[in-house]
């Protein structure tokens, strides 16, 4: 049994939160662009463009990291005994990244030429988001296969894989909002669109963060429904309580920015929100690992939560 420490949880959740940027930020740009087209708001178009630039940077970064992992797989001659050391896994992941990069790059570079043709302009962005979703699904699936190698290659409809994947999708958009706030703060001097714009942009981005973080617990109902017979709720109390507390703090921070008439003054809150979403990912990751052990009835991964609970008894 592999012992999963607190430092392991923080490191892996940081990597997971970063990788979800391939979906969260482009997805947020797509939503803002679509809303702006429907409401005919100039500020929304500018915000979508800034988020598209950030999203493209994240897609490039994730693509380069995936390519480096594939190169390491070739160089080290990994035998592929696990899914994470399989050449086929990294090749498929790189294909999805490249598809996302090509189509989202097309969406970004044709902004001025196609911005008036809304459906035509949004189409490559939608394809990029589909590819990004496929990439994240492959990553989550590979981690799930590590916990239960005897699982069917395609998860059955009652598998906890599906609610976990949907929750990761939703949290990626909340994380995209937090990173978007940070990016807007960084670009306020270079992209000098005026105070009114940044008041709107920060407030609008924070509202998206509130929405997606607030609906993320709904997937816990689905998760409970498909695994209720195997659950040991006692082992999920600490990570569940941590997730709930961090989620409330994140929403309150976003609410403070959304309601403020001078959101740029809340620099500490803007810096704090990405940290909170990272810790939210860590809390959910621990819960996922514990639930995976319960459902598979195998002690594949032992988390630090068990040791903490034993010390409290």
Protein backbone atom coordinates (compact mmCIF):
# COMPACT_ATOMS: atom_id res chain seq x y z
CA UNK A 1 0.00 0.00 0.00
CA UNK A 2 1.31 3.44 -0.95
CA UNK A 3 1.18 5.98 1.88
CA UNK A 4 -0.04 9.36 0.63
CA UNK A 5 1.31 12.14 2.85
CA UNK A 6 0.14 15.74 3.21
CA UNK A 7 3.06 16.96 1.12
CA UNK A 8 2.14 14.41 -1.59
CA UNK A 9 -1.43 15.70 -1.59
CA UNK A 10 -0.35 19.33 -1.83
CA UNK A 11 2.12 18.64 -4.64
CA UNK A 12 -0.20 16.45 -6.73
CA UNK A 13 -3.15 18.81 -6.24
CA UNK A 14 -0.97 21.76 -7.33
CA UNK A 15 -0.07 19.86 -10.50
CA UNK A 16 -3.72 18.92 -11.06
CA UNK A 17 -4.92 22.50 -10.49
CA UNK A 18 -2.30 23.76 -12.96
CA UNK A 19 -3.21 21.16 -15.60
CA UNK A 20 -6.91 22.03 -15.34
CA UNK A 21 -5.98 25.48 -16.63
CA UNK A 22 -6.03 23.92 -20.12
CA UNK A 23 -9.83 23.78 -19.75
CA UNK A 24 -10.77 26.31 -17.08
CA UNK A 25 -9.37 29.49 -18.59
CA UNK A 26 -10.25 28.80 -22.26
CA UNK A 27 -13.67 27.63 -21.10
CA UNK A 28 -14.18 30.86 -19.19
CA UNK A 29 -13.09 32.89 -22.22
CA UNK A 30 -15.63 30.99 -24.34
CA UNK A 31 -18.43 31.68 -21.84
CA UNK A 32 -17.58 35.39 -21.54
CA UNK A 33 -17.25 35.72 -25.34
CA UNK A 34 -20.62 34.01 -25.87
CA UNK A 35 -22.32 36.14 -23.23
CA UNK A 36 -20.78 39.28 -24.68
CA UNK A 37 -22.04 38.38 -28.16
CA UNK A 38 -25.57 37.84 -26.84
CA UNK A 39 -25.61 40.99 -24.71
CA UNK A 40 -23.49 43.10 -27.10
CA UNK A 41 -21.13 44.27 -24.35
CA UNK A 42 -17.77 45.70 -25.44
CA UNK A 43 -16.23 45.12 -22.02
CA UNK A 44 -17.10 41.43 -22.20
CA UNK A 45 -15.31 41.10 -25.53
CA UNK A 46 -12.17 42.70 -24.05
CA UNK A 47 -12.32 40.43 -21.01
CA UNK A 48 -12.76 37.37 -23.22
CA UNK A 49 -9.71 38.42 -25.25
CA UNK A 50 -7.55 38.80 -22.13
CA UNK A 51 -8.70 35.42 -20.84
CA UNK A 52 -8.05 33.90 -24.27
CA UNK A 53 -4.45 35.13 -24.14
CA UNK A 54 -3.98 33.61 -20.70
CA UNK A 55 -5.73 30.40 -21.77
CA UNK A 56 -3.45 30.05 -24.78
CA UNK A 57 -0.40 30.42 -22.52
CA UNK A 58 -1.70 27.62 -20.30
CA UNK A 59 -2.40 25.35 -23.27
CA UNK A 60 1.14 25.94 -24.54
CA UNK A 61 2.59 25.23 -21.07
CA UNK A 62 0.61 22.00 -20.60
CA UNK A 63 1.47 20.89 -24.14
CA UNK A 64 5.18 21.44 -23.51
CA UNK A 65 5.02 19.55 -20.20
CA UNK A 66 3.17 16.66 -21.84
CA UNK A 67 5.71 16.58 -24.67
CA UNK A 68 8.55 16.56 -22.12
CA UNK A 69 6.91 13.65 -20.29
CA UNK A 70 6.60 11.71 -23.57
CA UNK A 71 10.25 12.45 -24.40
CA UNK A 72 11.26 11.20 -20.95
CA UNK A 73 9.20 8.06 -21.56
CA UNK A 74 11.11 7.43 -24.79
CA UNK A 75 14.51 8.28 -23.29
CA UNK A 76 14.11 6.23 -20.12
CA UNK A 77 12.58 3.31 -21.97
CA UNK A 78 9.74 2.91 -19.47
CA UNK A 79 8.23 -0.53 -19.71
CA UNK A 80 4.71 0.78 -19.28
CA UNK A 81 3.93 -1.35 -16.24
CA UNK A 82 1.57 1.40 -15.07
CA UNK A 83 -0.60 3.76 -17.08
CA UNK A 84 1.45 6.80 -16.07
CA UNK A 85 4.58 5.20 -17.54
CA UNK A 86 2.84 4.08 -20.70
CA UNK A 87 4.01 5.60 -23.97
CA UNK A 88 0.50 5.23 -25.42
CA UNK A 89 -0.96 7.32 -22.60
CA UNK A 90 1.46 10.22 -23.11
CA UNK A 91 1.08 10.07 -26.90
CA UNK A 92 -2.71 10.29 -26.63
CA UNK A 93 -2.41 13.11 -24.08
CA UNK A 94 -0.08 15.03 -26.40
CA UNK A 95 -2.47 14.60 -29.35
CA UNK A 96 -5.32 16.13 -27.36
CA UNK A 97 -3.07 19.00 -26.22
CA UNK A 98 -1.98 19.72 -29.79
CA UNK A 99 -5.58 19.73 -31.01
CA UNK A 100 -6.51 22.17 -28.24
CA UNK A 101 -3.48 24.32 -29.06
CA UNK A 102 -4.23 24.49 -32.80
CA UNK A 103 -7.91 25.36 -32.47
CA UNK A 104 -7.61 27.73 -29.54
CA UNK A 105 -4.66 29.41 -31.24
CA UNK A 106 -6.89 29.87 -34.29
CA UNK A 107 -9.59 31.35 -32.05
CA UNK A 108 -7.08 33.82 -30.59
CA UNK A 109 -5.27 34.95 -33.74
CA UNK A 110 -8.50 35.48 -35.73
CA UNK A 111 -10.04 37.65 -33.02
CA UNK A 112 -10.03 40.90 -35.00
CA UNK A 113 -10.97 39.34 -38.34
CA UNK A 114 -13.78 37.08 -37.15
CA UNK A 115 -15.05 38.84 -34.02
CA UNK A 116 -18.17 40.03 -35.86
CA UNK A 117 -18.97 36.51 -37.06
CA UNK A 118 -19.76 35.09 -33.65
CA UNK A 119 -20.58 31.48 -34.49
CA UNK A 120 -17.66 31.14 -36.91
CA UNK A 121 -15.28 32.64 -34.37
CA UNK A 122 -16.52 30.53 -31.46
CA UNK A 123 -16.42 27.25 -33.36
CA UNK A 124 -12.63 26.60 -33.09
CA UNK A 125 -12.77 27.56 -29.42
CA UNK A 126 -15.49 24.98 -28.84
CA UNK A 127 -13.36 22.31 -30.55
CA UNK A 128 -10.39 23.27 -28.37
CA UNK A 129 -12.51 22.94 -25.24
CA UNK A 130 -13.68 19.47 -26.32
CA UNK A 131 -10.03 18.44 -26.79
CA UNK A 132 -9.12 19.92 -23.39
CA UNK A 133 -11.96 17.96 -21.76
CA UNK A 134 -10.72 14.78 -23.43
CA UNK A 135 -7.21 15.48 -22.15
CA UNK A 136 -8.41 15.94 -18.56
CA UNK A 137 -10.62 12.86 -18.82
CA UNK A 138 -7.57 10.87 -19.92
CA UNK A 139 -5.52 12.20 -16.97
CA UNK A 140 -8.24 11.40 -14.40
CA UNK A 141 -8.85 8.01 -16.02
CA UNK A 142 -5.16 7.13 -15.84
CA UNK A 143 -5.06 7.99 -12.12
CA UNK A 144 -8.18 5.88 -11.59
CA UNK A 145 -6.59 2.97 -13.42
CA UNK A 146 -3.59 3.19 -11.08
CA UNK A 147 -5.93 2.56 -8.15
CA UNK A 148 -7.85 -0.27 -9.77
CA UNK A 149 -5.91 -1.96 -12.62
CA UNK A 150 -8.64 -4.61 -12.97
CA UNK A 151 -11.26 -1.98 -13.77
CA UNK A 152 -12.82 -2.09 -17.25
CA UNK A 153 -11.00 0.07 -19.78
CA UNK A 154 -14.15 2.16 -20.21
CA UNK A 155 -15.69 3.06 -16.82
CA UNK A 156 -19.23 1.79 -16.41
CA UNK A 157 -22.07 4.31 -15.87
CA UNK A 158 -22.14 3.62 -12.11
CA UNK A 159 -18.44 4.28 -11.62
CA UNK A 160 -17.36 7.12 -9.33
CA UNK A 161 -15.08 8.18 -12.20
CA UNK A 162 -17.87 10.19 -13.84
CA UNK A 163 -18.96 12.44 -10.93
CA UNK A 164 -15.29 12.98 -10.07
CA UNK A 165 -14.54 14.01 -13.65
CA UNK A 166 -17.49 16.41 -13.78
CA UNK A 167 -16.46 17.97 -10.47
CA UNK A 168 -12.91 18.45 -11.78
CA UNK A 169 -14.39 20.16 -14.85
CA UNK A 170 -16.42 22.51 -12.67
CA UNK A 171 -13.57 23.26 -10.29
CA UNK A 172 -11.30 23.94 -13.27
CA UNK A 173 -13.61 26.82 -14.24
CA UNK A 174 -13.55 28.13 -10.67
CA UNK A 175 -9.75 27.88 -10.77
CA UNK A 176 -9.78 29.67 -14.12
CA UNK A 177 -11.68 32.52 -12.49
CA UNK A 178 -9.13 32.79 -9.67
CA UNK A 179 -6.23 32.80 -12.12
CA UNK A 180 -8.11 35.25 -14.32
CA UNK A 181 -8.32 37.71 -11.43
CA UNK A 182 -4.59 37.36 -10.87
CA UNK A 183 -3.91 37.93 -14.56
CA UNK A 184 -6.13 41.02 -14.69
CA UNK A 185 -4.28 42.44 -11.71
CA UNK A 186 -0.97 41.78 -13.47
CA UNK A 187 -2.10 43.30 -16.80
CA UNK A 188 -3.83 46.40 -15.42
CA UNK A 189 -0.96 48.70 -16.44
CA UNK A 190 -0.10 47.07 -19.78
CA UNK A 191 -3.72 46.76 -20.94
CA UNK A 192 -4.84 50.19 -19.82
CA UNK A 193 -8.56 49.96 -20.54
CA UNK A 194 -9.57 52.31 -17.73
CA UNK A 195 -10.94 51.94 -14.22
CA UNK A 196 -14.48 51.25 -15.39
CA UNK A 197 -13.31 48.28 -17.41
CA UNK A 198 -11.28 46.72 -14.61
CA UNK A 199 -14.11 47.30 -12.16
CA UNK A 200 -16.37 45.37 -14.53
CA UNK A 201 -13.81 42.73 -15.53
CA UNK A 202 -12.77 41.79 -12.00
CA UNK A 203 -16.37 41.79 -10.79
CA UNK A 204 -17.56 39.66 -13.72
CA UNK A 205 -14.72 37.15 -13.36
CA UNK A 206 -15.39 36.87 -9.62
CA UNK A 207 -19.09 36.18 -10.31
CA UNK A 208 -18.17 33.29 -12.60
CA UNK A 209 -15.92 31.96 -9.83
CA UNK A 210 -18.77 32.18 -7.32
CA UNK A 211 -21.14 30.35 -9.66
CA UNK A 212 -18.88 27.42 -10.48
CA UNK A 213 -17.55 26.96 -6.96
CA UNK A 214 -21.10 27.10 -5.56
CA UNK A 215 -22.41 24.38 -7.90
CA UNK A 216 -19.39 22.07 -7.45
CA UNK A 217 -20.85 20.41 -4.30
CA UNK A 218 -23.83 19.21 -6.36
CA UNK A 219 -21.62 16.52 -7.87
CA UNK A 220 -21.06 15.19 -4.33
CA UNK A 221 -24.72 14.10 -4.36
CA UNK A 222 -24.07 12.13 -7.54
CA UNK A 223 -20.85 10.76 -6.06
CA UNK A 224 -22.71 9.61 -2.95
CA UNK A 225 -25.50 8.03 -5.02
CA UNK A 226 -23.14 5.79 -7.01
CA UNK A 227 -21.01 4.73 -4.03
CA UNK A 228 -23.31 4.86 -0.99
CA UNK A 229 -23.12 1.12 -0.30
CA UNK A 230 -19.32 1.17 0.00
CA UNK A 231 -18.81 4.51 1.75
CA UNK A 232 -17.28 4.88 5.19
CA UNK A 233 -18.41 8.40 6.02
CA UNK A 234 -16.15 8.57 9.08
CA UNK A 235 -13.05 8.53 6.85
CA UNK A 236 -14.48 11.36 4.75
CA UNK A 237 -15.36 13.76 7.58
CA UNK A 238 -12.02 15.62 7.74
CA UNK A 239 -11.41 16.10 3.98
CA UNK A 240 -15.10 16.86 3.47
CA UNK A 241 -15.11 19.48 6.22
CA UNK A 242 -11.90 20.96 4.82
CA UNK A 243 -13.44 21.17 1.36
CA UNK A 244 -16.58 22.85 2.72
CA UNK A 245 -14.67 25.40 4.81
CA UNK A 246 -12.25 26.27 1.99
CA UNK A 247 -15.13 26.56 -0.47
CA UNK A 248 -16.94 29.02 1.80
CA UNK A 249 -13.77 31.11 2.20
CA UNK A 250 -13.23 31.08 -1.57
CA UNK A 251 -16.81 32.20 -2.27
CA UNK A 252 -16.59 34.95 0.37
CA UNK A 253 -13.35 36.20 -1.17
CA UNK A 254 -14.87 36.21 -4.65
CA UNK A 255 -18.00 37.91 -3.28
CA UNK A 256 -15.90 40.66 -1.74
CA UNK A 257 -14.30 41.37 -5.12
CA UNK A 258 -17.59 41.13 -7.03
CA UNK A 259 -19.36 43.62 -4.76
CA UNK A 260 -16.50 46.08 -4.43
CA UNK A 261 -16.60 49.39 -6.29
CA UNK A 262 -12.79 49.35 -6.31
CA UNK A 263 -11.84 45.66 -6.72
CA UNK A 264 -8.20 46.44 -7.58
CA UNK A 265 -7.70 47.54 -3.98
CA UNK A 266 -8.33 44.00 -2.76
CA UNK A 267 -4.96 42.70 -3.90
CA UNK A 268 -4.55 40.36 -0.93
CA UNK A 269 -7.90 38.69 -1.66
CA UNK A 270 -7.01 38.35 -5.36
CA UNK A 271 -3.72 36.68 -4.38
CA UNK A 272 -5.45 34.49 -1.80
CA UNK A 273 -8.11 33.03 -4.13
CA UNK A 274 -5.69 30.87 -6.21
CA UNK A 275 -4.21 29.51 -2.97
CA UNK A 276 -7.69 28.60 -1.72
CA UNK A 277 -8.63 26.82 -4.94
CA UNK A 278 -5.37 24.87 -4.77
CA UNK A 279 -6.24 23.73 -1.24
CA UNK A 280 -9.76 22.87 -2.41
CA UNK A 281 -8.23 20.58 -5.04
CA UNK A 282 -6.07 19.03 -2.29
CA UNK A 283 -9.11 18.35 -0.08
CA UNK A 284 -11.04 16.81 -2.95
CA UNK A 285 -8.06 14.72 -4.04
CA UNK A 286 -7.79 13.15 -0.60
CA UNK A 287 -11.52 12.40 -0.64
CA UNK A 288 -11.24 10.85 -4.11
CA UNK A 289 -8.40 8.58 -2.99
CA UNK A 290 -10.27 7.48 0.12
CA UNK A 291 -13.43 6.81 -1.88
CA UNK A 292 -11.43 4.90 -4.48
CA UNK A 293 -10.15 2.54 -1.80
CA UNK A 294 -13.67 2.10 -0.43
CA UNK A 295 -15.25 1.33 -3.79
CA UNK A 296 -12.50 -1.02 -5.01
CA UNK A 297 -12.23 -2.62 -1.55
CA UNK A 298 -8.47 -2.50 -1.92
CA UNK A 299 -5.98 -0.70 0.32
CA UNK A 300 -4.12 0.72 -2.66
CA UNK A 301 -3.49 4.16 -1.17
CA UNK A 302 -3.39 5.06 2.49
CA UNK A 303 -3.77 8.81 3.08
CA UNK A 304 -2.56 10.85 6.03
CA UNK A 305 -6.20 11.35 7.04
CA UNK A 306 -6.35 7.87 8.54
CA UNK A 307 -3.30 8.54 10.70
CA UNK A 308 -4.80 11.85 11.85
CA UNK A 309 -8.09 10.21 12.78
CA UNK A 310 -6.32 7.44 14.70
CA UNK A 311 -4.38 10.03 16.66
CA UNK A 312 -7.64 11.80 17.61
CA UNK A 313 -9.27 8.62 18.90
